[in-house]
Amino acid sequence: MDDKLIVSSSPHILDDDTTQRIMLDVAIALLPATIAAIFYFKGSAATLILLAVLTAVATEALVQKIMGRPVTINDFSAVVTGLLLGLNIPGSAAWWMPVVGSFVAIAIVKQIFGGVGHNFMNPALAGRIFLTLSWTDRMTAWITPGVDAVSTATPLAALKEAGASVPANVPSLMDTIIGNTGGSLGETSAILLILGGIYLVWRGVISAKVPGIYIGTVAVLTLLYSGFDIQYMLYHVFSGGLMIGAIYMATDYASSPVTPKGRMYFAFGCGLLTTLIRLFGAYPEGVAFSILLMNVASPLIDRYTSPRVFGEVK
């Protein structure tokens, strides 16, 4: 019998989208930034990203076997988690760091809470924060792109040292946009991350509203803070993890609000917290912390933004 003829409870909207198709689209969207990371940071980038992906897939299969659940590694969700984690660590990271980070992301943040669709925060970001808080010096040891990589400060670190102005030693804005700067492997090429985001919007995987509000909030607040210095604002927009966070992590289905109005509040909160941490916090970057904090607040946002049910009374 055709599944479309089976009578069931609501909702009655049918869609051909599957977790596998959505995750495969996300992996395809991240492919340009991944290739750029390998181009700029050479063999170390390929090794770290590959280890992150393989560990994520292996951990998912192992944990599901132990817990007696069906093994669902063919839905590509573990691949995307590992890929995002790999792109969120520096090129100088030790080989075991993506292994530990992927294990924490999959085993603790994802599978213990029920698997795909049940995680209350983004697994890849949680893995990154675990690594950052556990091995801060290693996770902030940025290197310049190239074979002869040397230690360097990221554009955001240079901005934080200078205050509300653009210092002379900061990389050019064009280098920042194309990714020829120090930073995490997948954060540096803003233009390729945007290209992948356009693909996801075109495929209907994400809406442009959440990334637009998130990035727009950071842009407006940093512009006001700098006294309408457009160059200062552009560095904050195109540097660090803003693009990868706003496009690929703040749009996570499971850990963000489900109501349209709630997603707008969520995106604004992410932008506000990111700006506050960048400008006044101890870290020059605040994307990961901001999204995880708003992930925790998502159930509360949904509670107060859910539409009233027809005929409902107090």
Protein backbone atom coordinates (compact mmCIF):
# COMPACT_ATOMS: atom_id res chain seq x y z
CA MET A 1 0.00 0.00 0.00
CA ASP A 2 1.16 3.53 -0.76
CA ASP A 3 2.30 5.22 2.46
CA LYS A 4 0.51 8.37 1.36
CA LEU A 5 -2.87 6.58 1.66
CA ILE A 6 -2.36 5.49 5.27
CA VAL A 7 -4.54 7.43 7.72
CA SER A 8 -2.57 8.75 10.66
CA SER A 9 -2.63 11.53 13.23
CA SER A 10 -1.52 15.03 12.32
CA PRO A 11 0.58 16.56 10.89
CA HIS A 12 -0.48 15.48 7.39
CA ILE A 13 2.18 17.38 5.44
CA LEU A 14 4.39 15.00 3.46
CA ASP A 15 7.91 15.83 2.38
CA ASP A 16 10.58 13.92 0.52
CA ASP A 17 13.37 15.37 2.72
CA THR A 18 15.33 12.87 4.77
CA THR A 19 18.05 13.28 7.36
CA GLN A 20 20.48 11.72 4.90
CA ARG A 21 19.65 14.21 2.13
CA ILE A 22 19.85 17.21 4.45
CA MET A 23 23.16 16.14 5.98
CA LEU A 24 24.60 15.35 2.58
CA ASP A 25 23.66 18.85 1.43
CA VAL A 26 25.42 20.34 4.47
CA ALA A 27 28.54 18.27 3.73
CA ILE A 28 28.48 19.46 0.11
CA ALA A 29 28.08 23.07 1.25
CA LEU A 30 31.12 22.71 3.53
CA LEU A 31 33.24 21.14 0.79
CA PRO A 32 34.64 24.45 -0.65
CA ALA A 33 35.74 25.64 2.81
CA THR A 34 37.24 22.21 3.52
CA ILE A 35 39.25 22.28 0.30
CA ALA A 36 40.42 25.81 1.13
CA ALA A 37 41.53 24.67 4.60
CA ILE A 38 43.63 21.90 3.07
CA PHE A 39 45.02 24.33 0.48
CA TYR A 40 46.04 26.91 3.08
CA PHE A 41 47.11 24.64 5.95
CA LYS A 42 48.37 21.69 3.86
CA GLY A 43 48.66 18.15 5.17
CA SER A 44 47.94 18.94 8.81
CA ALA A 45 44.46 20.17 7.89
CA ALA A 46 43.65 17.03 5.90
CA THR A 47 44.84 14.81 8.76
CA LEU A 48 42.91 16.65 11.46
CA ILE A 49 39.67 16.82 9.47
CA LEU A 50 39.90 13.16 8.45
CA LEU A 51 40.52 12.06 12.05
CA ALA A 52 37.57 14.12 13.27
CA VAL A 53 35.20 12.59 10.70
CA LEU A 54 36.38 9.00 11.15
CA THR A 55 36.21 9.24 14.95
CA ALA A 56 32.70 10.71 14.82
CA VAL A 57 31.42 7.92 12.57
CA ALA A 58 33.17 5.16 14.55
CA THR A 59 31.96 6.56 17.89
CA GLU A 60 28.37 6.76 16.65
CA ALA A 61 28.42 3.15 15.45
CA LEU A 62 30.08 1.90 18.65
CA VAL A 63 27.78 3.75 21.05
CA GLN A 64 24.65 2.70 19.15
CA LYS A 65 25.81 -0.92 19.23
CA ILE A 66 26.48 -0.74 22.98
CA MET A 67 23.10 0.90 23.66
CA GLY A 68 21.24 -1.58 21.48
CA ARG A 69 20.06 1.02 18.98
CA PRO A 70 20.00 0.73 15.18
CA VAL A 71 23.27 1.91 13.67
CA THR A 72 22.49 5.05 11.65
CA ILE A 73 25.89 6.16 10.39
CA ASN A 74 24.55 6.13 6.83
CA ASP A 75 22.45 9.24 7.56
CA PHE A 76 25.67 11.35 7.37
CA SER A 77 24.86 13.25 10.60
CA ALA A 78 28.03 11.94 12.25
CA VAL A 79 30.03 12.88 9.16
CA VAL A 80 28.75 16.46 9.36
CA THR A 81 29.49 16.65 13.10
CA GLY A 82 33.03 15.43 12.57
CA LEU A 83 33.54 17.74 9.61
CA LEU A 84 32.32 20.78 11.54
CA LEU A 85 34.51 19.91 14.52
CA GLY A 86 37.54 19.45 12.29
CA LEU A 87 36.93 22.85 10.73
CA ASN A 88 36.69 24.42 14.19
CA ILE A 89 40.18 23.57 15.44
CA PRO A 90 43.52 25.24 14.55
CA GLY A 91 45.99 23.75 12.13
CA SER A 92 48.52 23.40 14.96
CA ALA A 93 46.32 21.02 16.98
CA ALA A 94 47.73 17.65 18.01
CA TRP A 95 46.36 14.60 16.17
CA TRP A 96 44.51 13.32 19.23
CA MET A 97 42.50 16.53 19.73
CA PRO A 98 39.94 15.96 16.94
CA VAL A 99 39.67 12.37 18.19
CA VAL A 100 38.79 13.49 21.72
CA GLY A 101 36.55 16.29 20.50
CA SER A 102 34.56 14.05 18.14
CA PHE A 103 34.15 11.40 20.83
CA VAL A 104 32.73 13.97 23.27
CA ALA A 105 30.49 15.47 20.60
CA ILE A 106 28.97 12.16 19.52
CA ALA A 107 29.01 9.99 22.63
CA ILE A 108 28.15 12.57 25.30
CA VAL A 109 26.33 15.44 23.60
CA LYS A 110 24.46 13.49 20.91
CA GLN A 111 23.92 9.81 21.70
CA ILE A 112 23.39 9.98 25.46
CA PHE A 113 20.49 12.37 24.87
CA GLY A 114 18.83 10.12 22.29
CA GLY A 115 20.74 10.55 19.05
CA VAL A 116 20.04 12.71 16.02
CA GLY A 117 17.25 15.22 16.62
CA HIS A 118 17.42 14.93 20.41
CA ASN A 119 20.65 16.77 21.26
CA PHE A 120 19.96 19.94 23.22
CA MET A 121 23.07 21.71 21.94
CA ASN A 122 25.16 21.58 18.78
CA PRO A 123 27.50 18.56 19.19
CA ALA A 124 30.38 19.97 17.14
CA LEU A 125 30.40 23.25 19.07
CA ALA A 126 30.19 21.40 22.37
CA GLY A 127 33.22 19.34 21.31
CA ARG A 128 35.10 22.50 20.41
CA ILE A 129 34.29 24.18 23.72
CA PHE A 130 35.37 21.05 25.60
CA LEU A 131 38.73 21.18 23.82
CA THR A 132 39.07 24.94 24.32
CA LEU A 133 38.43 24.79 28.06
CA SER A 134 40.58 21.67 28.55
CA TRP A 135 43.57 22.65 26.40
CA THR A 136 43.25 26.41 25.94
CA ASP A 137 46.86 26.97 24.92
CA ARG A 138 46.70 24.35 22.18
CA MET A 139 43.31 25.53 20.89
CA THR A 140 44.53 29.12 20.62
CA ALA A 141 47.92 28.37 19.03
CA TRP A 142 47.11 29.92 15.67
CA ILE A 143 49.49 29.54 12.74
CA THR A 144 49.82 31.29 9.40
CA PRO A 145 48.73 29.40 6.28
CA GLY A 146 51.43 27.73 4.22
CA VAL A 147 54.09 25.04 4.48
CA ASP A 148 56.36 27.10 6.71
CA ALA A 149 53.59 27.97 9.16
CA VAL A 150 54.55 30.16 12.10
CA SER A 151 52.61 31.35 15.11
CA THR A 152 50.43 34.36 14.50
CA ALA A 153 47.59 36.38 15.99
CA THR A 154 44.16 36.16 14.40
CA PRO A 155 42.50 39.34 13.06
CA LEU A 156 40.08 39.29 16.02
CA ALA A 157 42.94 39.03 18.52
CA ALA A 158 44.64 42.02 16.85
CA LEU A 159 41.39 44.01 17.00
CA LYS A 160 40.91 43.19 20.66
CA GLU A 161 44.39 44.46 21.50
CA ALA A 162 43.77 47.71 19.62
CA GLY A 163 40.34 48.48 21.10
CA ALA A 164 37.74 50.18 18.91
CA SER A 165 40.07 50.67 15.94
CA VAL A 166 41.82 48.68 13.20
CA PRO A 167 45.54 48.22 13.97
CA ALA A 168 48.21 48.47 11.30
CA ASN A 169 49.43 44.88 11.81
CA VAL A 170 46.09 43.25 11.03
CA PRO A 171 45.91 41.15 7.81
CA SER A 172 44.28 42.81 4.83
CA LEU A 173 40.51 42.63 4.59
CA MET A 174 40.79 40.70 1.32
CA ASP A 175 43.03 38.06 2.95
CA THR A 176 40.46 37.79 5.72
CA ILE A 177 37.62 37.28 3.25
CA ILE A 178 39.36 34.62 1.15
CA GLY A 179 40.91 32.83 4.14
CA ASN A 180 44.60 33.60 3.88
CA THR A 181 44.90 34.32 7.62
CA GLY A 182 45.51 32.50 10.87
CA GLY A 183 42.57 30.89 12.62
CA SER A 184 40.65 27.66 12.83
CA LEU A 185 40.79 25.50 9.71
CA GLY A 186 37.33 26.23 8.38
CA GLU A 187 36.70 29.69 9.80
CA THR A 188 39.08 31.62 7.65
CA SER A 189 37.50 31.59 4.18
CA ALA A 190 34.35 33.65 4.67
CA ILE A 191 33.54 33.86 0.98
CA LEU A 192 33.48 30.07 0.55
CA LEU A 193 31.36 29.63 3.68
CA ILE A 194 28.89 32.16 2.26
CA LEU A 195 28.89 30.27 -1.04
CA GLY A 196 27.97 27.09 0.82
CA GLY A 197 25.27 28.97 2.72
CA ILE A 198 23.72 30.17 -0.55
CA TYR A 199 23.64 26.53 -1.70
CA LEU A 200 21.81 25.49 1.50
CA VAL A 201 19.25 28.27 1.10
CA TRP A 202 18.72 27.29 -2.54
CA ARG A 203 18.22 23.65 -1.53
CA GLY A 204 15.74 24.69 1.15
CA VAL A 205 17.85 23.20 3.96
CA ILE A 206 18.07 26.48 5.90
CA SER A 207 16.39 29.87 5.86
CA ALA A 208 18.45 32.99 5.29
CA LYS A 209 16.73 34.69 8.25
CA VAL A 210 18.79 33.17 11.06
CA PRO A 211 22.24 33.80 9.49
CA GLY A 212 21.06 37.22 8.28
CA ILE A 213 19.83 38.36 11.70
CA TYR A 214 22.85 36.87 13.49
CA ILE A 215 25.44 38.46 11.19
CA GLY A 216 23.44 41.68 10.90
CA THR A 217 23.29 42.06 14.69
CA VAL A 218 27.08 41.70 14.98
CA ALA A 219 27.54 44.17 12.11
CA VAL A 220 25.28 46.85 13.60
CA LEU A 221 26.63 46.55 17.16
CA THR A 222 30.30 46.63 16.14
CA LEU A 223 29.59 49.56 13.82
CA LEU A 224 28.06 51.50 16.72
CA TYR A 225 30.86 50.52 19.10
CA SER A 226 33.56 51.74 16.69
CA GLY A 227 31.89 55.05 16.01
CA PHE A 228 30.71 53.98 12.54
CA ASP A 229 34.08 52.63 11.40
CA ILE A 230 32.98 50.44 8.48
CA GLN A 231 36.37 48.73 8.18
CA TYR A 232 36.28 47.73 11.85
CA MET A 233 32.79 46.31 11.38
CA LEU A 234 33.80 44.34 8.27
CA TYR A 235 36.69 42.70 10.13
CA HIS A 236 34.27 41.51 12.81
CA VAL A 237 31.87 40.19 10.18
CA PHE A 238 34.40 38.32 8.04
CA SER A 239 36.84 37.19 10.75
CA GLY A 240 36.66 34.30 13.17
CA GLY A 241 33.82 31.83 13.37
CA LEU A 242 30.90 34.13 12.63
CA MET A 243 30.17 32.77 9.14
CA ILE A 244 30.52 29.08 9.95
CA GLY A 245 28.61 29.56 13.20
CA ALA A 246 25.75 31.63 11.79
CA ILE A 247 25.26 29.57 8.62
CA TYR A 248 26.00 26.00 9.70
CA MET A 249 25.54 25.82 13.49
CA ALA A 250 22.96 28.36 14.58
CA THR A 251 20.64 26.79 11.98
CA ASP A 252 20.86 23.31 13.55
CA TYR A 253 17.32 21.89 13.64
CA ALA A 254 17.54 20.01 16.94
CA SER A 255 19.20 22.64 19.13
CA SER A 256 17.47 25.82 17.94
CA PRO A 257 13.87 27.02 18.46
CA VAL A 258 11.15 25.56 16.26
CA THR A 259 8.89 28.61 16.05
CA PRO A 260 9.59 31.25 13.36
CA LYS A 261 9.51 34.10 15.88
CA GLY A 262 11.65 32.07 18.28
CA ARG A 263 14.34 31.56 15.65
CA MET A 264 14.52 35.32 15.13
CA TYR A 265 15.00 35.93 18.86
CA PHE A 266 17.54 33.12 18.93
CA ALA A 267 19.57 34.65 16.09
CA PHE A 268 19.49 38.10 17.69
CA GLY A 269 20.61 36.65 21.04
CA CYS A 270 23.51 34.86 19.34
CA GLY A 271 24.60 38.10 17.67
CA LEU A 272 24.31 40.10 20.87
CA LEU A 273 26.27 37.59 22.98
CA THR A 274 28.93 37.15 20.30
CA THR A 275 29.52 40.91 20.19
CA LEU A 276 29.60 41.29 23.97
CA ILE A 277 32.11 38.46 24.38
CA ARG A 278 34.29 39.74 21.54
CA LEU A 279 34.35 43.31 22.80
CA PHE A 280 34.32 42.88 26.57
CA GLY A 281 35.10 39.23 27.34
CA ALA A 282 38.38 37.45 27.98
CA TYR A 283 38.30 35.68 24.61
CA PRO A 284 38.60 37.53 21.29
CA GLU A 285 36.01 35.14 19.83
CA GLY A 286 32.54 34.43 21.18
CA VAL A 287 30.60 32.54 18.50
CA ALA A 288 30.82 29.06 20.03
CA PHE A 289 29.93 30.20 23.55
CA SER A 290 27.06 32.33 22.26
CA ILE A 291 25.40 29.62 20.21
CA LEU A 292 25.68 27.07 23.03
CA LEU A 293 24.17 29.51 25.54
CA MET A 294 21.28 30.21 23.18
CA ASN A 295 20.89 26.45 22.56
CA VAL A 296 20.24 26.02 26.27
CA ALA A 297 17.68 28.85 26.14
CA SER A 298 15.84 27.41 23.11
CA PRO A 299 13.14 25.51 25.08
CA LEU A 300 12.34 28.71 27.00
CA ILE A 301 12.18 30.71 23.76
CA ASP A 302 9.83 28.12 22.24
CA ARG A 303 7.61 28.26 25.31
CA TYR A 304 7.01 31.99 25.01
CA THR A 305 6.83 32.19 21.21
CA SER A 306 4.56 29.23 20.47
CA PRO A 307 1.40 30.32 18.64
CA ARG A 308 -1.88 30.04 20.46
CA VAL A 309 -3.82 26.86 19.62
CA PHE A 310 -7.20 27.57 18.03
CA GLY A 311 -9.89 27.41 20.70
CA GLU A 312 -7.36 27.28 23.55
CA VAL A 313 -8.25 28.97 26.81
CA LYS A 314 -6.22 29.64 29.92
